[in-house]
Amino acid sequence: MNSLDWAVLIGYFGVMVAIGVWSHKRVDNVSDFFTAGGKMPWWLSGISHHMSGYSAVMFTGYAGIAYTYGVTSFVTWSFPIALGIAIGSKLFAPRINRLRSRLHVASPLEYLKNRYDLKTQQALAWSGMLLKIVDVGAKWAAIATLLSVFTGVSLNQGILITGVVTGIYCTIGGLWADALTELGQFIIQLLAGLAMFFAVLVELGDYGGIFGVWDRPELDGHEKPLVGPYGTVFLLAFLFIKLFEYNGGMLNQAQRYMATPNAKEAERSARLSAILWLVWPLVLFFPMWMSPLLVDSQKPDGSDSYALMTEQLLPHGLLGLVIVGFFSHTMAMCSSDANAIAAVFTRDVAPVLSAKARSWSERSGLISARLTTVVFLALSMAVATQVNSPTFKDIITVVIKWVAGLMGPIAIPMMLGLLRPFRRSGPTAALTSWAAGLLAFWLVNYPINWSVEGGVPLQYQVSIPLAVSLILYVLIGYVKPEDTPERLAIIERLNTDGDGAAAAVPAPADGATDGVVGAAPSKE
């Protein structure tokens, strides 16, 4: 990097902070901070949903998969995400929007207290928060890895720089700041991705062009859609996981649906995100597929290949733009995750822990939301310093095994609880499926994995916990139905459009009552 690249990077950080300051004026209460008051247009929500779904892990961990295996990086990652979101645009997006518009909640998990009970809500809230800390920690480590390649700063310094800048704009501006910065980040990413795409196309002229290049020995097997550990079982498992994860199971995407004015707009938002996931990653992945021709990775997993190729092919200025594109991915996801977890803690956890939290004023609730955001970012940055340790191993292991494997037991009760066919499943089904899924993850990834020669294949490590949770959730619902009139009333409110209820947010549940959420939104 030279002074021009540094100017682009510093200018980008400045713009992100400025957007946060401007967005601060639009945040008057908790509803504005967590769900943009239900006023976000569908196209902005869709772009925000897309941008908040992936990070610099794509340019490190998935770049390594592309470097080693080729097009399977698209077939087994972004394609199932696009398909999952497309299915979820009908199945989940409208119902998640009604959590805000009809039940008047600000956190995706807030409705669980009445859909199940307080114990279920707290179990999912705490486990979801802990998983998100690990997930975001991997994202900080990914961007710090790239920053170290380009600038020579240490991993910890890179984590600190990106975390502080992200913390400033998302803490003061809430979801509006997240969405507006993600729009700017999408434009930057568009320019940077196209610059890299065309730079690689120019280089391919010496290797037979875009079609002839696939016969090169360096790309042997790169054209195969399913290869190595990423086979048919992995693809099907990943599709099922992403159906839940990217439609709200990891919380931050759920907020994008909640932020739109109504269920129809949420559905349009999801469709836009699905189209972007189907088309845009092809542009980003193509240079990665060609990387074995152009660079020799210095890391066994190939995770530095994209960064090395960028340094080699792009002139200064454009190099800085691509680096900014790396940051935009990570900051988009991490800021949206921070906002989602702040919503869960402020609305779901704090009222149970503290009597004072049950009667917070608008100002007190907003202060708590911002403090929680800062604490979450700090904890995730601390975890990021431990990535590549014996506990967490490498970045892609954290993202694929830990996050994908543990997401299912948390998401199954939350997501399926929205749907009429699962109305019989109550708190017993929810808690049992959650606990059994977590136990299955531990057994498959540790005791069983240690005892099997060569270890348990990756596809089973990530799919078995979700399958266990799903089977138990459905089975227990039929063996021990708990579909009370109150729970059925909630499900009906989520599956039918009403009279366009306002986006008011009630006082957080105090853990002592069991009335239907949203029955009478309070005025704070």
Protein backbone atom coordinates (compact mmCIF):
# COMPACT_ATOMS: atom_id res chain seq x y z
CA MET A 1 0.00 0.00 0.00
CA ASN A 2 1.13 3.55 -0.72
CA SER A 3 -0.23 6.93 0.34
CA LEU A 4 -3.06 6.81 -2.24
CA ASP A 5 -4.31 3.48 -0.91
CA TRP A 6 -4.11 4.76 2.65
CA ALA A 7 -6.08 7.87 1.66
CA VAL A 8 -8.86 5.70 0.21
CA LEU A 9 -8.96 3.53 3.36
CA ILE A 10 -8.95 6.44 5.81
CA GLY A 11 -11.54 8.29 3.73
CA TYR A 12 -13.79 5.24 3.87
CA PHE A 13 -13.53 5.04 7.65
CA GLY A 14 -14.40 8.74 7.85
CA VAL A 15 -17.51 8.34 5.70
CA MET A 16 -18.72 5.41 7.84
CA VAL A 17 -18.41 7.47 11.01
CA ALA A 18 -20.16 10.43 9.35
CA ILE A 19 -23.10 8.21 8.36
CA GLY A 20 -23.36 7.05 11.97
CA VAL A 21 -23.46 10.65 13.19
CA TRP A 22 -26.12 11.57 10.63
CA SER A 23 -28.21 8.48 11.46
CA HIS A 24 -28.09 9.45 15.14
CA LYS A 25 -30.71 12.12 14.36
CA ARG A 26 -33.16 9.44 13.22
CA VAL A 27 -32.94 7.40 16.41
CA ASP A 28 -35.33 8.60 19.09
CA ASN A 29 -36.26 5.34 20.81
CA VAL A 30 -35.57 1.61 21.00
CA SER A 31 -37.80 0.87 18.00
CA ASP A 32 -35.75 3.22 15.82
CA PHE A 33 -32.48 1.75 17.10
CA PHE A 34 -33.38 -1.90 16.54
CA THR A 35 -35.95 -1.95 13.70
CA ALA A 36 -35.66 1.51 12.07
CA GLY A 37 -39.19 2.18 13.33
CA GLY A 38 -40.58 -0.04 10.55
CA LYS A 39 -39.82 2.71 8.01
CA MET A 40 -37.03 1.17 5.92
CA PRO A 41 -37.84 0.85 2.18
CA TRP A 42 -37.77 -2.69 0.81
CA TRP A 43 -34.86 -2.10 -1.57
CA LEU A 44 -32.64 -0.73 1.21
CA SER A 45 -33.67 -3.60 3.46
CA GLY A 46 -32.84 -6.09 0.69
CA ILE A 47 -29.38 -4.65 0.05
CA SER A 48 -28.75 -4.48 3.80
CA HIS A 49 -29.92 -8.10 4.19
CA HIS A 50 -27.50 -9.17 1.46
CA MET A 51 -24.53 -7.18 2.75
CA SER A 52 -25.01 -8.32 6.34
CA GLY A 53 -24.77 -11.94 5.24
CA TYR A 54 -21.09 -12.28 4.47
CA SER A 55 -17.78 -10.80 5.49
CA ALA A 56 -14.05 -10.86 4.84
CA VAL A 57 -14.26 -14.61 5.52
CA MET A 58 -15.21 -14.82 1.85
CA PHE A 59 -11.83 -13.36 0.90
CA THR A 60 -9.89 -15.57 3.31
CA GLY A 61 -11.61 -18.86 4.24
CA TYR A 62 -13.75 -19.22 1.11
CA ALA A 63 -10.95 -17.85 -1.06
CA GLY A 64 -8.93 -20.79 0.28
CA ILE A 65 -11.69 -23.23 -0.70
CA ALA A 66 -11.86 -21.64 -4.17
CA TYR A 67 -8.06 -21.81 -4.49
CA THR A 68 -8.04 -25.50 -3.57
CA TYR A 69 -11.30 -26.85 -5.04
CA GLY A 70 -12.66 -24.26 -7.51
CA VAL A 71 -16.34 -23.68 -8.34
CA THR A 72 -17.62 -25.79 -5.45
CA SER A 73 -17.06 -22.66 -3.34
CA PHE A 74 -20.07 -21.12 -5.13
CA VAL A 75 -22.16 -24.27 -5.51
CA THR A 76 -21.99 -25.21 -1.83
CA TRP A 77 -22.08 -21.70 -0.33
CA SER A 78 -23.75 -18.77 -2.07
CA PHE A 79 -26.08 -20.87 -4.24
CA PRO A 80 -27.77 -22.61 -1.27
CA ILE A 81 -27.96 -19.25 0.50
CA ALA A 82 -29.75 -17.71 -2.52
CA LEU A 83 -32.14 -20.66 -2.75
CA GLY A 84 -32.78 -20.62 1.01
CA ILE A 85 -33.61 -16.91 1.04
CA ALA A 86 -35.88 -17.33 -2.01
CA ILE A 87 -37.84 -20.02 -0.16
CA GLY A 88 -37.83 -17.91 3.00
CA SER A 89 -39.21 -14.88 1.16
CA LYS A 90 -42.60 -16.62 1.24
CA LEU A 91 -42.19 -18.81 4.30
CA PHE A 92 -40.50 -16.58 6.87
CA ALA A 93 -40.04 -12.94 5.79
CA PRO A 94 -43.73 -11.85 6.05
CA ARG A 95 -44.18 -13.59 9.41
CA ILE A 96 -41.01 -12.09 10.88
CA ASN A 97 -42.18 -8.65 9.80
CA ARG A 98 -45.44 -9.22 11.68
CA LEU A 99 -43.43 -9.76 14.87
CA ARG A 100 -42.98 -5.99 14.84
CA SER A 101 -46.07 -4.78 13.01
CA ARG A 102 -48.59 -7.00 14.82
CA LEU A 103 -46.92 -8.16 18.07
CA HIS A 104 -45.00 -4.89 18.57
CA VAL A 105 -41.68 -6.45 19.52
CA ALA A 106 -38.19 -5.05 18.87
CA SER A 107 -36.13 -8.25 19.23
CA PRO A 108 -36.60 -11.35 17.03
CA LEU A 109 -36.64 -13.49 20.19
CA GLU A 110 -39.01 -11.31 22.19
CA TYR A 111 -42.10 -13.20 21.06
CA LEU A 112 -40.75 -16.53 22.35
CA LYS A 113 -41.78 -15.84 25.93
CA ASN A 114 -45.42 -16.02 24.88
CA ARG A 115 -45.04 -18.51 22.03
CA TYR A 116 -43.36 -20.93 24.48
CA ASP A 117 -42.38 -19.71 27.95
CA LEU A 118 -39.76 -17.64 29.75
CA LYS A 119 -37.28 -20.52 30.16
CA THR A 120 -37.29 -21.22 26.43
CA GLN A 121 -36.82 -17.57 25.58
CA GLN A 122 -33.88 -17.23 27.95
CA ALA A 123 -32.21 -20.45 26.75
CA LEU A 124 -32.36 -19.34 23.13
CA ALA A 125 -31.36 -15.77 23.96
CA TRP A 126 -28.25 -16.70 25.96
CA SER A 127 -27.06 -19.40 23.57
CA GLY A 128 -27.70 -17.13 20.59
CA MET A 129 -25.69 -14.31 22.12
CA LEU A 130 -22.75 -16.58 22.96
CA LEU A 131 -22.71 -18.10 19.47
CA LYS A 132 -22.77 -14.65 17.89
CA ILE A 133 -19.75 -13.57 19.93
CA VAL A 134 -17.78 -16.50 18.45
CA ASP A 135 -19.17 -15.90 14.96
CA VAL A 136 -18.26 -12.20 14.90
CA GLY A 137 -14.89 -12.98 16.46
CA ALA A 138 -14.07 -15.06 13.37
CA LYS A 139 -15.07 -12.12 11.15
CA TRP A 140 -12.73 -9.73 13.00
CA ALA A 141 -9.92 -12.28 12.64
CA ALA A 142 -10.60 -12.58 8.91
CA ILE A 143 -10.37 -8.85 8.21
CA ALA A 144 -7.31 -8.53 10.47
CA THR A 145 -5.63 -11.30 8.47
CA LEU A 146 -6.18 -9.35 5.25
CA LEU A 147 -5.07 -6.10 6.84
CA SER A 148 -1.85 -7.72 8.01
CA VAL A 149 -1.09 -8.92 4.45
CA PHE A 150 -1.50 -5.44 3.00
CA THR A 151 -0.15 -3.19 5.76
CA GLY A 152 1.99 -5.35 8.02
CA VAL A 153 0.04 -4.42 11.16
CA SER A 154 -0.40 -7.24 13.66
CA LEU A 155 -3.62 -9.24 13.88
CA ASN A 156 -4.56 -7.68 17.21
CA GLN A 157 -3.96 -4.17 15.89
CA GLY A 158 -6.15 -4.93 12.87
CA ILE A 159 -8.91 -6.26 15.10
CA LEU A 160 -8.76 -3.13 17.25
CA ILE A 161 -8.86 -0.70 14.30
CA THR A 162 -11.84 -2.27 12.54
CA GLY A 163 -13.72 -2.92 15.78
CA VAL A 164 -13.42 0.67 17.01
CA VAL A 165 -14.58 2.21 13.72
CA THR A 166 -17.52 -0.20 13.48
CA GLY A 167 -18.42 0.44 17.10
CA ILE A 168 -18.62 4.19 16.60
CA TYR A 169 -21.08 4.27 13.73
CA CYS A 170 -23.34 1.35 14.71
CA THR A 171 -23.54 2.38 18.37
CA ILE A 172 -24.69 5.92 17.76
CA GLY A 173 -26.80 5.30 14.65
CA GLY A 174 -28.46 1.93 15.26
CA LEU A 175 -30.06 -0.03 12.41
CA TRP A 176 -30.42 3.07 10.22
CA ALA A 177 -26.64 3.55 10.35
CA ASP A 178 -26.11 -0.13 9.60
CA ALA A 179 -28.39 -0.07 6.55
CA LEU A 180 -27.08 3.20 5.12
CA THR A 181 -23.44 2.20 5.54
CA GLU A 182 -24.27 -1.15 3.97
CA LEU A 183 -25.70 0.67 0.95
CA GLY A 184 -22.46 2.62 0.61
CA GLN A 185 -20.47 -0.54 1.18
CA PHE A 186 -22.44 -2.31 -1.55
CA ILE A 187 -21.51 0.41 -4.05
CA ILE A 188 -17.85 0.21 -3.02
CA GLN A 189 -17.94 -3.57 -3.25
CA LEU A 190 -19.48 -3.34 -6.73
CA LEU A 191 -16.65 -1.14 -8.01
CA ALA A 192 -13.93 -3.15 -6.27
CA GLY A 193 -15.30 -6.53 -7.36
CA LEU A 194 -15.60 -5.47 -11.00
CA ALA A 195 -12.07 -4.03 -10.94
CA MET A 196 -10.67 -7.34 -9.74
CA PHE A 197 -12.83 -9.34 -12.18
CA PHE A 198 -11.58 -7.44 -15.23
CA ALA A 199 -7.99 -7.41 -13.99
CA VAL A 200 -8.04 -11.22 -13.88
CA LEU A 201 -9.73 -11.43 -17.29
CA VAL A 202 -6.85 -9.46 -18.80
CA GLU A 203 -4.34 -11.88 -17.26
CA LEU A 204 -6.16 -14.92 -18.63
CA GLY A 205 -5.25 -13.96 -22.19
CA ASP A 206 -1.88 -15.65 -21.62
CA TYR A 207 -3.56 -18.86 -20.44
CA GLY A 208 -6.08 -19.53 -23.21
CA GLY A 209 -8.80 -17.07 -22.25
CA ILE A 210 -11.86 -17.51 -20.05
CA PHE A 211 -12.91 -20.80 -21.71
CA GLY A 212 -9.57 -22.43 -22.52
CA VAL A 213 -8.09 -21.82 -19.11
CA TRP A 214 -9.95 -24.74 -17.50
CA ASP A 215 -7.62 -27.23 -19.19
CA ARG A 216 -4.61 -25.90 -17.32
CA PRO A 217 -3.09 -28.41 -14.83
CA GLU A 218 -3.17 -25.77 -12.07
CA LEU A 219 -6.98 -25.82 -12.31
CA ASP A 220 -7.38 -29.58 -12.41
CA GLY A 221 -10.81 -30.43 -10.97
CA HIS A 222 -11.70 -26.77 -10.40
CA GLU A 223 -14.67 -27.02 -12.77
CA LYS A 224 -16.37 -29.78 -10.72
CA PRO A 225 -19.36 -28.50 -8.70
CA LEU A 226 -18.97 -30.96 -5.81
CA VAL A 227 -15.50 -32.10 -4.78
CA GLY A 228 -13.43 -33.00 -1.72
CA PRO A 229 -15.35 -32.68 1.57
CA TYR A 230 -17.97 -30.54 -0.17
CA GLY A 231 -20.17 -33.26 -1.64
CA THR A 232 -23.89 -33.84 -2.14
CA VAL A 233 -24.62 -34.48 1.54
CA PHE A 234 -22.78 -31.28 2.50
CA LEU A 235 -24.74 -29.29 -0.13
CA LEU A 236 -28.12 -30.57 1.10
CA ALA A 237 -27.16 -30.02 4.72
CA PHE A 238 -25.90 -26.50 3.99
CA LEU A 239 -29.09 -25.64 2.08
CA PHE A 240 -31.20 -26.70 5.03
CA ILE A 241 -28.98 -24.81 7.48
CA LYS A 242 -28.96 -21.62 5.40
CA LEU A 243 -32.73 -21.74 4.99
CA PHE A 244 -32.98 -21.11 8.72
CA GLU A 245 -29.82 -19.07 9.26
CA TYR A 246 -30.26 -16.46 6.51
CA ASN A 247 -33.97 -15.98 7.08
CA GLY A 248 -33.60 -14.96 10.71
CA GLY A 249 -32.04 -17.81 12.64
CA MET A 250 -28.90 -15.75 13.23
CA LEU A 251 -31.06 -12.76 14.26
CA ASN A 252 -29.48 -9.93 12.25
CA GLN A 253 -31.24 -10.86 9.00
CA ALA A 254 -34.54 -11.06 10.87
CA GLN A 255 -34.18 -7.39 11.80
CA ARG A 256 -34.08 -6.44 8.11
CA TYR A 257 -37.47 -8.06 7.60
CA MET A 258 -38.82 -6.41 10.74
CA ALA A 259 -37.59 -2.99 9.58
CA THR A 260 -39.82 -2.84 6.48
CA PRO A 261 -43.29 -1.23 6.74
CA ASN A 262 -45.32 -4.39 6.14
CA ALA A 263 -45.19 -8.10 5.29
CA LYS A 264 -45.36 -7.55 1.53
CA GLU A 265 -42.36 -5.22 1.62
CA ALA A 266 -40.44 -7.76 3.69
CA GLU A 267 -41.12 -10.39 1.03
CA ARG A 268 -39.82 -8.07 -1.71
CA SER A 269 -36.75 -7.35 0.39
CA ALA A 270 -35.98 -11.06 0.67
CA ARG A 271 -36.42 -11.63 -3.07
CA LEU A 272 -33.93 -8.85 -3.85
CA SER A 273 -31.41 -10.33 -1.42
CA ALA A 274 -31.85 -13.78 -3.01
CA ILE A 275 -31.17 -12.41 -6.50
CA LEU A 276 -28.04 -10.62 -5.29
CA TRP A 277 -26.79 -13.82 -3.62
CA LEU A 278 -27.30 -15.75 -6.87
CA VAL A 279 -25.57 -13.29 -9.21
CA TRP A 280 -23.01 -11.16 -7.42
CA PRO A 281 -20.86 -13.91 -5.79
CA LEU A 282 -20.12 -15.25 -9.28
CA VAL A 283 -18.24 -12.02 -10.01
CA LEU A 284 -16.42 -12.18 -6.68
CA PHE A 285 -15.55 -15.87 -6.92
CA PHE A 286 -14.26 -15.97 -10.49
CA PRO A 287 -10.88 -14.37 -9.65
CA MET A 288 -10.55 -16.81 -6.74
CA TRP A 289 -11.08 -19.79 -9.05
CA MET A 290 -8.28 -18.51 -11.29
CA SER A 291 -5.90 -17.74 -8.41
CA PRO A 292 -3.77 -20.96 -8.68
CA LEU A 293 -2.64 -19.71 -12.11
CA LEU A 294 -1.55 -16.33 -10.85
CA VAL A 295 -0.18 -16.71 -7.30
CA ASP A 296 1.35 -19.28 -4.99
CA SER A 297 -0.39 -19.25 -1.63
CA GLN A 298 1.92 -19.03 1.37
CA LYS A 299 -0.63 -20.64 3.68
CA PRO A 300 -1.62 -24.34 3.61
CA ASP A 301 -5.33 -23.51 3.37
CA GLY A 302 -4.87 -20.92 0.59
CA SER A 303 -6.54 -18.21 2.67
CA ASP A 304 -4.04 -15.54 1.61
CA SER A 305 -4.41 -16.23 -2.14
CA TYR A 306 -6.91 -13.46 -2.90
CA ALA A 307 -4.94 -10.85 -1.01
CA LEU A 308 -1.72 -11.83 -2.82
CA MET A 309 -3.48 -11.70 -6.18
CA THR A 310 -4.92 -8.27 -5.40
CA GLU A 311 -1.48 -6.87 -4.59
CA GLN A 312 -0.05 -8.34 -7.77
CA LEU A 313 -2.71 -7.24 -10.26
CA LEU A 314 -4.15 -3.91 -9.19
CA PRO A 315 -2.57 -0.44 -9.34
CA HIS A 316 -2.48 1.76 -6.27
CA GLY A 317 -5.78 3.47 -5.67
CA LEU A 318 -7.73 0.50 -7.01
CA LEU A 319 -5.81 -1.63 -4.53
CA GLY A 320 -7.04 0.65 -1.77
CA LEU A 321 -10.60 0.36 -3.11
CA VAL A 322 -10.49 -3.44 -2.99
CA ILE A 323 -9.12 -3.33 0.55
CA VAL A 324 -12.02 -1.05 1.45
CA GLY A 325 -14.29 -3.67 -0.11
CA PHE A 326 -12.85 -6.24 2.31
CA PHE A 327 -13.63 -3.95 5.22
CA SER A 328 -17.13 -3.24 3.94
CA HIS A 329 -18.06 -6.92 4.05
CA THR A 330 -16.87 -7.42 7.61
CA MET A 331 -18.14 -4.16 9.04
CA ALA A 332 -21.55 -4.73 7.48
CA MET A 333 -21.98 -8.13 9.10
CA CYS A 334 -20.42 -7.27 12.46
CA SER A 335 -22.39 -4.06 12.93
CA SER A 336 -25.67 -5.80 12.09
CA ASP A 337 -24.84 -8.63 14.49
CA ALA A 338 -24.01 -6.14 17.23
CA ASN A 339 -27.36 -4.43 16.78
CA ALA A 340 -29.22 -7.75 16.84
CA ILE A 341 -27.54 -8.93 20.02
CA ALA A 342 -28.11 -5.57 21.70
CA ALA A 343 -31.80 -6.03 20.90
CA VAL A 344 -31.85 -9.51 22.42
CA PHE A 345 -30.09 -8.41 25.60
CA THR A 346 -32.03 -5.17 26.08
CA ARG A 347 -35.47 -6.60 25.30
CA ASP A 348 -35.18 -10.26 26.38
CA VAL A 349 -32.43 -10.71 28.96
CA ALA A 350 -32.06 -7.48 30.93
CA PRO A 351 -35.72 -7.39 32.10
CA VAL A 352 -35.28 -10.87 33.62
CA LEU A 353 -31.99 -9.98 35.32
CA SER A 354 -33.02 -6.59 36.69
CA ALA A 355 -36.27 -5.18 38.04
CA LYS A 356 -35.17 -1.68 36.99
CA ALA A 357 -34.92 -2.79 33.36
CA ARG A 358 -38.62 -3.62 33.35
CA SER A 359 -39.53 0.04 33.76
CA TRP A 360 -36.86 1.69 31.63
CA SER A 361 -37.85 4.94 29.98
CA GLU A 362 -37.18 5.48 26.27
CA ARG A 363 -33.92 7.24 27.11
CA SER A 364 -32.76 4.54 29.54
CA GLY A 365 -33.59 1.78 27.07
CA LEU A 366 -31.66 3.56 24.33
CA ILE A 367 -28.61 4.05 26.56
CA SER A 368 -28.71 0.37 27.49
CA ALA A 369 -28.93 -0.61 23.83
CA ARG A 370 -25.84 1.41 22.99
CA LEU A 371 -23.84 0.15 25.97
CA THR A 372 -24.75 -3.44 25.11
CA THR A 373 -23.56 -2.89 21.54
CA VAL A 374 -20.17 -1.70 22.81
CA VAL A 375 -19.83 -4.64 25.22
CA PHE A 376 -20.73 -7.16 22.51
CA LEU A 377 -18.17 -5.73 20.11
CA ALA A 378 -15.49 -5.78 22.81
CA LEU A 379 -16.19 -9.42 23.69
CA SER A 380 -16.18 -10.51 20.05
CA MET A 381 -12.88 -8.69 19.49
CA ALA A 382 -11.41 -10.56 22.47
CA VAL A 383 -12.55 -13.87 20.95
CA ALA A 384 -11.00 -12.84 17.62
CA THR A 385 -7.56 -12.82 19.23
CA GLN A 386 -8.06 -16.55 19.97
CA VAL A 387 -8.89 -17.62 16.41
CA ASN A 388 -6.20 -20.04 15.15
CA SER A 389 -5.75 -21.22 18.75
CA PRO A 390 -6.20 -24.92 19.66
CA THR A 391 -9.71 -24.10 20.95
CA PHE A 392 -11.16 -22.45 17.84
CA LYS A 393 -8.67 -23.50 15.12
CA ASP A 394 -8.76 -21.62 11.80
CA ILE A 395 -11.29 -19.07 10.56
CA ILE A 396 -13.19 -21.36 8.20
CA THR A 397 -13.50 -24.02 10.92
CA VAL A 398 -15.18 -21.48 13.20
CA VAL A 399 -17.57 -20.27 10.50
CA ILE A 400 -18.53 -23.63 8.98
CA LYS A 401 -18.34 -26.03 11.92
CA TRP A 402 -19.12 -23.97 15.00
CA VAL A 403 -21.61 -21.49 13.59
CA ALA A 404 -23.38 -23.77 11.10
CA GLY A 405 -23.40 -26.66 13.57
CA LEU A 406 -24.74 -24.70 16.54
CA MET A 407 -27.16 -22.45 14.67
CA GLY A 408 -29.74 -25.19 14.04
CA PRO A 409 -30.68 -26.01 17.64
CA ILE A 410 -31.20 -22.29 18.29
CA ALA A 411 -33.05 -21.49 15.07
CA ILE A 412 -35.45 -24.46 14.92
CA PRO A 413 -37.77 -23.36 17.79
CA MET A 414 -37.53 -19.70 16.78
CA MET A 415 -38.28 -20.15 13.07
CA LEU A 416 -40.68 -23.10 13.09
CA GLY A 417 -42.59 -21.53 15.97
CA LEU A 418 -43.84 -18.96 13.45
CA LEU A 419 -45.63 -21.54 11.30
CA ARG A 420 -49.10 -23.09 11.69
CA PRO A 421 -48.04 -26.71 10.93
CA PHE A 422 -45.89 -26.66 14.08
CA ARG A 423 -48.50 -25.16 16.39
CA ARG A 424 -48.54 -28.32 18.55
CA SER A 425 -44.88 -27.86 19.51
CA GLY A 426 -44.66 -25.99 22.79
CA PRO A 427 -42.00 -25.29 25.41
CA THR A 428 -41.23 -28.98 26.03
CA ALA A 429 -40.51 -29.55 22.34
CA ALA A 430 -38.55 -26.31 22.05
CA LEU A 431 -36.30 -26.82 25.08
CA THR A 432 -35.73 -30.52 24.47
CA SER A 433 -34.84 -30.03 20.81
CA TRP A 434 -32.50 -27.14 21.73
CA ALA A 435 -30.67 -29.09 24.45
CA ALA A 436 -30.44 -32.32 22.43
CA GLY A 437 -29.11 -30.42 19.40
CA LEU A 438 -26.33 -28.83 21.45
CA LEU A 439 -25.48 -32.22 22.96
CA ALA A 440 -25.39 -33.78 19.48
CA PHE A 441 -22.96 -31.07 18.33
CA TRP A 442 -20.61 -31.82 21.21
CA LEU A 443 -20.79 -35.60 20.72
CA VAL A 444 -20.27 -35.52 16.95
CA ASN A 445 -17.45 -32.97 16.99
CA TYR A 446 -15.52 -34.25 19.98
CA PRO A 447 -15.95 -37.75 21.56
CA ILE A 448 -17.22 -39.44 18.39
CA ASN A 449 -14.89 -37.46 16.14
CA TRP A 450 -11.90 -38.50 18.27
CA SER A 451 -12.86 -42.17 18.18
CA VAL A 452 -13.49 -42.41 14.41
CA GLU A 453 -10.47 -42.94 12.20
CA GLY A 454 -10.06 -39.85 10.07
CA GLY A 455 -12.74 -38.03 12.04
CA VAL A 456 -16.44 -37.49 11.34
CA PRO A 457 -16.95 -35.96 7.85
CA LEU A 458 -17.67 -32.22 7.89
CA GLN A 459 -21.15 -32.56 6.42
CA TYR A 460 -22.24 -34.72 9.35
CA GLN A 461 -20.58 -32.45 11.91
CA VAL A 462 -22.77 -29.53 10.77
CA SER A 463 -25.98 -31.36 9.82
CA ILE A 464 -26.54 -33.87 12.65
CA PRO A 465 -27.23 -31.24 15.38
CA LEU A 466 -29.85 -29.55 13.20
CA ALA A 467 -31.43 -32.88 12.21
CA VAL A 468 -31.66 -33.99 15.86
CA SER A 469 -33.31 -30.69 16.84
CA LEU A 470 -35.78 -30.80 13.95
CA ILE A 471 -36.86 -34.39 14.53
CA LEU A 472 -37.35 -33.91 18.27
CA TYR A 473 -39.17 -30.59 17.83
CA VAL A 474 -41.73 -32.15 15.48
CA LEU A 475 -42.00 -35.52 17.27
CA ILE A 476 -42.50 -34.10 20.77
CA GLY A 477 -45.08 -31.69 19.38
CA TYR A 478 -47.22 -34.66 18.31
CA VAL A 479 -46.52 -36.81 21.37
CA LYS A 480 -47.06 -33.96 23.83
CA PRO A 481 -49.04 -31.16 22.14
CA GLU A 482 -49.04 -27.83 24.00
CA ASP A 483 -51.12 -25.69 21.67
CA THR A 484 -52.96 -23.52 24.19
CA PRO A 485 -55.45 -20.87 23.02
CA GLU A 486 -52.94 -18.12 23.86
CA ARG A 487 -50.22 -19.71 21.75
CA LEU A 488 -52.60 -20.37 18.89
CA ALA A 489 -53.65 -16.70 19.00
CA ILE A 490 -50.03 -15.60 18.57
CA ILE A 491 -49.53 -17.95 15.61
CA GLU A 492 -52.67 -16.64 13.93
CA ARG A 493 -51.51 -13.03 14.34
CA LEU A 494 -48.24 -13.95 12.63
CA ASN A 495 -49.92 -15.78 9.75
CA THR A 496 -52.57 -13.22 8.83
CA ASP A 497 -52.40 -9.55 7.95
CA GLY A 498 -54.33 -7.22 10.21
CA ASP A 499 -55.18 -3.59 10.04
CA GLY A 500 -51.60 -2.31 9.68
CA ALA A 501 -50.78 -1.95 13.35
CA ALA A 502 -48.21 0.69 14.20
CA ALA A 503 -44.61 -0.04 15.05
CA ALA A 504 -44.87 0.81 18.71
CA VAL A 505 -42.66 -1.10 21.11
CA PRO A 506 -44.04 -2.17 24.49
CA ALA A 507 -42.15 -2.30 27.73
CA PRO A 508 -39.94 -5.41 27.81
CA ALA A 509 -41.49 -8.52 29.30
CA ASP A 510 -40.77 -8.72 33.02
CA GLY A 511 -40.80 -12.48 33.19
CA ALA A 512 -43.78 -12.53 35.56
CA THR A 513 -46.73 -12.44 33.20
CA ASP A 514 -47.83 -14.62 30.35
CA GLY A 515 -50.09 -12.36 28.38
CA VAL A 516 -49.99 -12.25 24.60
CA VAL A 517 -47.26 -9.96 23.29
CA GLY A 518 -48.64 -7.02 21.43
CA ALA A 519 -52.15 -7.31 22.80
CA ALA A 520 -51.91 -3.80 24.16
CA PRO A 521 -48.75 -1.88 23.21
CA SER A 522 -47.75 0.48 25.95
CA LYS A 523 -46.70 4.11 25.72
CA GLU A 524 -43.34 4.76 27.28
